[in-house]
Amino acid sequence: MDNDVKDEAYYRKLWTGMFPVRLKVALEDGVLVNAYCPQCRFCCGPQAEEKPFPMALLDRQISARTPDDFYLLDSRTASLDRRGCKSLGPSGCRLERPLRPLACGLFPLVLVNRRLYLYKICPASMLEPLETFQAMAAQVKAMLEALPAADVERISIFRDPEDLKAKYLDLGLDVAGS
């Protein structure tokens, strides 16, 4: 059995034990509300990958306090790495939704190479039906395509598709922007 299968089986067992009752997962006002997040905090905590996970901020999300809220790759890009997220508190994210990177508001849907993927290791992804995320992804695609193409380009994470296979499910939805 390869490591990716072990990882997925490990997390399925962990999340099933941690979340014996299904929690709310819904797309509301352009934000994916994931009630698993405050208890899980896996994606916001310290990351094992060497390559930082960039989360570009839209112009409207940048403020004088941005450097206090995030570890930054540059003045417009929040980043997750071995330190996790600077805004993660004991009860989850301490930021009000409008200040969070768009990537946080869509998770476990992820825009990579201008294509929507589902992060398979998230408890919501493992415990909720795939059809739930496919329907939300179609709505997210429409929402993202209403953004200027430059913003879609900016917030899209760029990775080699081969690097994604172990932890991400390709939902087959390309996003162009307007």
C-alpha atoms as a PDB file:
ATOM      1  CA  MET A   1       0.000   0.000   0.000  1.00  0.00           C
ATOM      2  CA  ASP A   2       1.532   3.351  -0.986  1.00  0.00           C
ATOM      3  CA  ASN A   3       1.868   6.339   1.361  1.00  0.00           C
ATOM      4  CA  ASP A   4      -0.950   8.339  -0.254  1.00  0.00           C
ATOM      5  CA  VAL A   5      -3.476   5.579   0.396  1.00  0.00           C
ATOM      6  CA  LYS A   6      -2.208   5.229   3.984  1.00  0.00           C
ATOM      7  CA  ASP A   7      -2.560   8.977   4.472  1.00  0.00           C
ATOM      8  CA  GLU A   8      -6.117   8.993   3.178  1.00  0.00           C
ATOM      9  CA  ALA A   9      -7.079   5.974   5.294  1.00  0.00           C
ATOM     10  CA  TYR A  10      -5.426   7.533   8.340  1.00  0.00           C
ATOM     11  CA  TYR A  11      -7.370  10.784   7.938  1.00  0.00           C
ATOM     12  CA  ARG A  12     -10.660   9.052   7.229  1.00  0.00           C
ATOM     13  CA  LYS A  13     -10.302   7.141  10.519  1.00  0.00           C
ATOM     14  CA  LEU A  14      -9.216  10.292  12.383  1.00  0.00           C
ATOM     15  CA  TRP A  15     -12.083  12.438  11.059  1.00  0.00           C
ATOM     16  CA  THR A  16     -14.697   9.728  11.536  1.00  0.00           C
ATOM     17  CA  GLY A  17     -13.689   9.450  15.183  1.00  0.00           C
ATOM     18  CA  MET A  18     -13.467  13.203  15.690  1.00  0.00           C
ATOM     19  CA  PHE A  19     -16.750  13.975  13.915  1.00  0.00           C
ATOM     20  CA  PRO A  20     -19.266  11.176  14.593  1.00  0.00           C
ATOM     21  CA  VAL A  21     -22.098  13.530  13.578  1.00  0.00           C
ATOM     22  CA  ARG A  22     -22.140  15.355  10.238  1.00  0.00           C
ATOM     23  CA  LEU A  23     -21.710  19.120  10.457  1.00  0.00           C
ATOM     24  CA  LYS A  24     -22.931  21.936   8.227  1.00  0.00           C
ATOM     25  CA  VAL A  25     -21.216  22.439   4.891  1.00  0.00           C
ATOM     26  CA  ALA A  26     -22.906  24.950   2.582  1.00  0.00           C
ATOM     27  CA  LEU A  27     -22.179  27.757   0.179  1.00  0.00           C
ATOM     28  CA  GLU A  28     -23.672  30.965   1.605  1.00  0.00           C
ATOM     29  CA  ASP A  29     -23.178  34.419   0.084  1.00  0.00           C
ATOM     30  CA  GLY A  30     -20.101  33.303  -1.845  1.00  0.00           C
ATOM     31  CA  VAL A  31     -18.447  31.668   1.183  1.00  0.00           C
ATOM     32  CA  LEU A  32     -18.172  27.961   1.757  1.00  0.00           C
ATOM     33  CA  VAL A  33     -19.321  27.563   5.355  1.00  0.00           C
ATOM     34  CA  ASN A  34     -17.521  24.528   6.720  1.00  0.00           C
ATOM     35  CA  ALA A  35     -18.472  23.767  10.331  1.00  0.00           C
ATOM     36  CA  TYR A  36     -15.660  21.213  10.553  1.00  0.00           C
ATOM     37  CA  CYS A  37     -13.019  23.982  10.389  1.00  0.00           C
ATOM     38  CA  PRO A  38     -13.011  25.352  13.958  1.00  0.00           C
ATOM     39  CA  GLN A  39     -12.424  21.904  15.442  1.00  0.00           C
ATOM     40  CA  CYS A  40     -10.141  20.555  12.718  1.00  0.00           C
ATOM     41  CA  ARG A  41      -7.766  23.449  11.864  1.00  0.00           C
ATOM     42  CA  PHE A  42      -5.640  20.993   9.856  1.00  0.00           C
ATOM     43  CA  CYS A  43      -5.332  23.172   6.764  1.00  0.00           C
ATOM     44  CA  CYS A  44      -4.640  26.354   8.790  1.00  0.00           C
ATOM     45  CA  GLY A  45      -2.091  24.791  11.108  1.00  0.00           C
ATOM     46  CA  PRO A  46       1.585  24.136  10.453  1.00  0.00           C
ATOM     47  CA  GLN A  47       2.099  22.609   7.021  1.00  0.00           C
ATOM     48  CA  ALA A  48       4.344  19.614   6.355  1.00  0.00           C
ATOM     49  CA  GLU A  49       5.070  20.590   2.746  1.00  0.00           C
ATOM     50  CA  GLU A  50       8.280  22.472   2.046  1.00  0.00           C
ATOM     51  CA  LYS A  51       6.710  24.718  -0.577  1.00  0.00           C
ATOM     52  CA  PRO A  52       4.645  27.582   0.954  1.00  0.00           C
ATOM     53  CA  PHE A  53       0.951  27.579   0.083  1.00  0.00           C
ATOM     54  CA  PRO A  54       0.227  31.071  -1.355  1.00  0.00           C
ATOM     55  CA  MET A  55      -3.160  32.731  -0.913  1.00  0.00           C
ATOM     56  CA  ALA A  56      -3.343  35.921  -2.921  1.00  0.00           C
ATOM     57  CA  LEU A  57      -5.427  38.726  -1.489  1.00  0.00           C
ATOM     58  CA  LEU A  58      -7.775  40.816  -3.582  1.00  0.00           C
ATOM     59  CA  ASP A  59      -7.193  44.569  -3.390  1.00  0.00           C
ATOM     60  CA  ARG A  60     -10.239  45.003  -1.135  1.00  0.00           C
ATOM     61  CA  GLN A  61      -8.734  42.589   1.420  1.00  0.00           C
ATOM     62  CA  ILE A  62      -5.482  44.462   1.904  1.00  0.00           C
ATOM     63  CA  SER A  63      -5.268  46.873   4.815  1.00  0.00           C
ATOM     64  CA  ALA A  64      -2.700  48.385   7.142  1.00  0.00           C
ATOM     65  CA  ARG A  65      -3.141  45.368   9.419  1.00  0.00           C
ATOM     66  CA  THR A  66      -2.501  42.772   6.680  1.00  0.00           C
ATOM     67  CA  PRO A  67       1.092  42.101   7.861  1.00  0.00           C
ATOM     68  CA  ASP A  68      -0.234  41.509  11.393  1.00  0.00           C
ATOM     69  CA  ASP A  69      -2.848  39.050  10.128  1.00  0.00           C
ATOM     70  CA  PHE A  70      -0.715  36.898   7.823  1.00  0.00           C
ATOM     71  CA  TYR A  71       2.711  35.553   7.101  1.00  0.00           C
ATOM     72  CA  LEU A  72       3.309  37.154   3.709  1.00  0.00           C
ATOM     73  CA  LEU A  73       5.141  36.034   0.577  1.00  0.00           C
ATOM     74  CA  ASP A  74       4.775  39.582  -0.739  1.00  0.00           C
ATOM     75  CA  SER A  75       2.613  42.596   0.099  1.00  0.00           C
ATOM     76  CA  ARG A  76      -0.456  41.015  -1.573  1.00  0.00           C
ATOM     77  CA  THR A  77      -0.022  37.315  -0.844  1.00  0.00           C
ATOM     78  CA  ALA A  78      -0.724  35.544   2.439  1.00  0.00           C
ATOM     79  CA  SER A  79       1.114  32.295   2.948  1.00  0.00           C
ATOM     80  CA  LEU A  80       0.851  29.039   4.873  1.00  0.00           C
ATOM     81  CA  ASP A  81       4.012  27.144   5.689  1.00  0.00           C
ATOM     82  CA  ARG A  82       5.520  25.264   8.625  1.00  0.00           C
ATOM     83  CA  ARG A  83       4.263  28.045  10.937  1.00  0.00           C
ATOM     84  CA  GLY A  84       0.623  27.655   9.873  1.00  0.00           C
ATOM     85  CA  CYS A  85      -1.591  30.730   9.665  1.00  0.00           C
ATOM     86  CA  LYS A  86      -0.865  33.788  11.800  1.00  0.00           C
ATOM     87  CA  SER A  87      -4.619  34.401  12.197  1.00  0.00           C
ATOM     88  CA  LEU A  88      -5.410  30.963  13.597  1.00  0.00           C
ATOM     89  CA  GLY A  89      -6.655  31.263  17.172  1.00  0.00           C
ATOM     90  CA  PRO A  90      -7.878  28.704  19.709  1.00  0.00           C
ATOM     91  CA  SER A  91     -11.406  28.819  18.233  1.00  0.00           C
ATOM     92  CA  GLY A  92     -10.386  28.922  14.574  1.00  0.00           C
ATOM     93  CA  CYS A  93      -9.791  31.958  12.371  1.00  0.00           C
ATOM     94  CA  ARG A  94      -9.812  35.251  14.271  1.00  0.00           C
ATOM     95  CA  LEU A  95     -10.417  37.346  11.128  1.00  0.00           C
ATOM     96  CA  GLU A  96     -13.816  38.527   9.975  1.00  0.00           C
ATOM     97  CA  ARG A  97     -14.710  36.937   6.638  1.00  0.00           C
ATOM     98  CA  PRO A  98     -14.088  39.966   4.366  1.00  0.00           C
ATOM     99  CA  LEU A  99     -10.405  40.044   5.402  1.00  0.00           C
ATOM    100  CA  ARG A 100      -9.751  36.344   4.812  1.00  0.00           C
ATOM    101  CA  PRO A 101      -8.145  35.304   1.537  1.00  0.00           C
ATOM    102  CA  LEU A 102     -10.693  34.098  -0.996  1.00  0.00           C
ATOM    103  CA  ALA A 103      -8.932  30.719  -0.858  1.00  0.00           C
ATOM    104  CA  CYS A 104      -9.997  30.369   2.797  1.00  0.00           C
ATOM    105  CA  GLY A 105     -13.611  31.154   1.956  1.00  0.00           C
ATOM    106  CA  LEU A 106     -13.732  28.417  -0.680  1.00  0.00           C
ATOM    107  CA  PHE A 107     -11.868  25.661   1.109  1.00  0.00           C
ATOM    108  CA  PRO A 108     -11.883  22.642   0.670  1.00  0.00           C
ATOM    109  CA  LEU A 109     -12.458  23.778  -2.905  1.00  0.00           C
ATOM    110  CA  VAL A 110      -9.151  25.040  -4.243  1.00  0.00           C
ATOM    111  CA  LEU A 111      -8.382  27.031  -7.403  1.00  0.00           C
ATOM    112  CA  VAL A 112      -5.207  25.550  -8.877  1.00  0.00           C
ATOM    113  CA  ASN A 113      -3.974  26.368 -12.374  1.00  0.00           C
ATOM    114  CA  ARG A 114      -7.325  28.178 -12.889  1.00  0.00           C
ATOM    115  CA  ARG A 115      -9.134  24.865 -12.326  1.00  0.00           C
ATOM    116  CA  LEU A 116     -11.236  23.811  -9.333  1.00  0.00           C
ATOM    117  CA  TYR A 117     -10.059  20.930  -7.188  1.00  0.00           C
ATOM    118  CA  LEU A 118     -11.311  19.366  -3.962  1.00  0.00           C
ATOM    119  CA  TYR A 119      -8.811  18.878  -1.132  1.00  0.00           C
ATOM    120  CA  LYS A 120      -9.395  15.214  -0.289  1.00  0.00           C
ATOM    121  CA  ILE A 121      -7.890  15.248   3.222  1.00  0.00           C
ATOM    122  CA  CYS A 122     -10.395  17.765   4.669  1.00  0.00           C
ATOM    123  CA  PRO A 123     -12.918  16.158   7.042  1.00  0.00           C
ATOM    124  CA  ALA A 124     -15.776  17.738   5.089  1.00  0.00           C
ATOM    125  CA  SER A 125     -14.451  16.215   1.842  1.00  0.00           C
ATOM    126  CA  MET A 126     -14.161  12.811   3.422  1.00  0.00           C
ATOM    127  CA  LEU A 127     -17.416  12.800   5.374  1.00  0.00           C
ATOM    128  CA  GLU A 128     -19.803  14.600   3.017  1.00  0.00           C
ATOM    129  CA  PRO A 129     -21.025  13.278  -0.358  1.00  0.00           C
ATOM    130  CA  LEU A 130     -18.913  14.247  -3.368  1.00  0.00           C
ATOM    131  CA  GLU A 131     -22.081  15.524  -5.065  1.00  0.00           C
ATOM    132  CA  THR A 132     -22.307  18.249  -2.410  1.00  0.00           C
ATOM    133  CA  PHE A 133     -18.946  19.641  -3.491  1.00  0.00           C
ATOM    134  CA  GLN A 134     -19.596  19.188  -7.196  1.00  0.00           C
ATOM    135  CA  ALA A 135     -22.727  21.343  -6.888  1.00  0.00           C
ATOM    136  CA  MET A 136     -20.895  23.977  -4.823  1.00  0.00           C
ATOM    137  CA  ALA A 137     -17.971  23.948  -7.259  1.00  0.00           C
ATOM    138  CA  ALA A 138     -20.314  24.796 -10.141  1.00  0.00           C
ATOM    139  CA  GLN A 139     -21.601  27.787  -8.152  1.00  0.00           C
ATOM    140  CA  VAL A 140     -18.063  28.829  -7.190  1.00  0.00           C
ATOM    141  CA  LYS A 141     -16.995  28.599 -10.835  1.00  0.00           C
ATOM    142  CA  ALA A 142     -19.779  31.031 -11.797  1.00  0.00           C
ATOM    143  CA  MET A 143     -18.832  33.355  -8.937  1.00  0.00           C
ATOM    144  CA  LEU A 144     -15.138  33.334  -9.877  1.00  0.00           C
ATOM    145  CA  GLU A 145     -15.885  33.853 -13.552  1.00  0.00           C
ATOM    146  CA  ALA A 146     -17.643  37.109 -12.601  1.00  0.00           C
ATOM    147  CA  LEU A 147     -14.290  38.413 -11.304  1.00  0.00           C
ATOM    148  CA  PRO A 148     -11.870  40.141 -13.661  1.00  0.00           C
ATOM    149  CA  ALA A 149      -9.591  37.625 -15.395  1.00  0.00           C
ATOM    150  CA  ALA A 150      -6.574  39.298 -13.745  1.00  0.00           C
ATOM    151  CA  ASP A 151      -8.029  38.571 -10.280  1.00  0.00           C
ATOM    152  CA  VAL A 152      -8.703  34.943 -11.192  1.00  0.00           C
ATOM    153  CA  GLU A 153      -5.132  34.657 -12.430  1.00  0.00           C
ATOM    154  CA  ARG A 154      -3.827  36.281  -9.240  1.00  0.00           C
ATOM    155  CA  ILE A 155      -5.757  34.089  -6.782  1.00  0.00           C
ATOM    156  CA  SER A 156      -5.105  30.849  -8.647  1.00  0.00           C
ATOM    157  CA  ILE A 157      -2.358  28.724  -7.145  1.00  0.00           C
ATOM    158  CA  PHE A 158       0.049  27.278  -9.683  1.00  0.00           C
ATOM    159  CA  ARG A 159       1.315  23.744  -9.126  1.00  0.00           C
ATOM    160  CA  ASP A 160       2.366  20.819 -11.289  1.00  0.00           C
ATOM    161  CA  PRO A 161      -0.766  18.678 -11.809  1.00  0.00           C
ATOM    162  CA  GLU A 162       1.275  15.564 -10.937  1.00  0.00           C
ATOM    163  CA  ASP A 163       1.935  17.035  -7.467  1.00  0.00           C
ATOM    164  CA  LEU A 164      -1.826  17.334  -6.878  1.00  0.00           C
ATOM    165  CA  LYS A 165      -2.921  13.753  -7.477  1.00  0.00           C
ATOM    166  CA  ALA A 166      -2.334  12.458  -3.934  1.00  0.00           C
ATOM    167  CA  LYS A 167      -4.342  15.101  -2.046  1.00  0.00           C
ATOM    168  CA  TYR A 168      -6.581  16.824  -4.594  1.00  0.00           C
ATOM    169  CA  LEU A 169      -9.498  15.620  -6.698  1.00  0.00           C
ATOM    170  CA  ASP A 170      -9.813  17.364 -10.070  1.00  0.00           C
ATOM    171  CA  LEU A 171     -13.433  18.538 -10.399  1.00  0.00           C
ATOM    172  CA  GLY A 172     -12.985  19.252 -14.123  1.00  0.00           C
ATOM    173  CA  LEU A 173     -14.045  22.912 -13.916  1.00  0.00           C
ATOM    174  CA  ASP A 174     -11.803  25.487 -15.562  1.00  0.00           C
ATOM    175  CA  VAL A 175     -12.237  29.126 -14.479  1.00  0.00           C
ATOM    176  CA  ALA A 176     -11.488  31.946 -16.905  1.00  0.00           C
ATOM    177  CA  GLY A 177     -12.772  35.163 -15.311  1.00  0.00           C
ATOM    178  CA  SER A 178     -14.501  38.008 -17.127  1.00  0.00           C
END
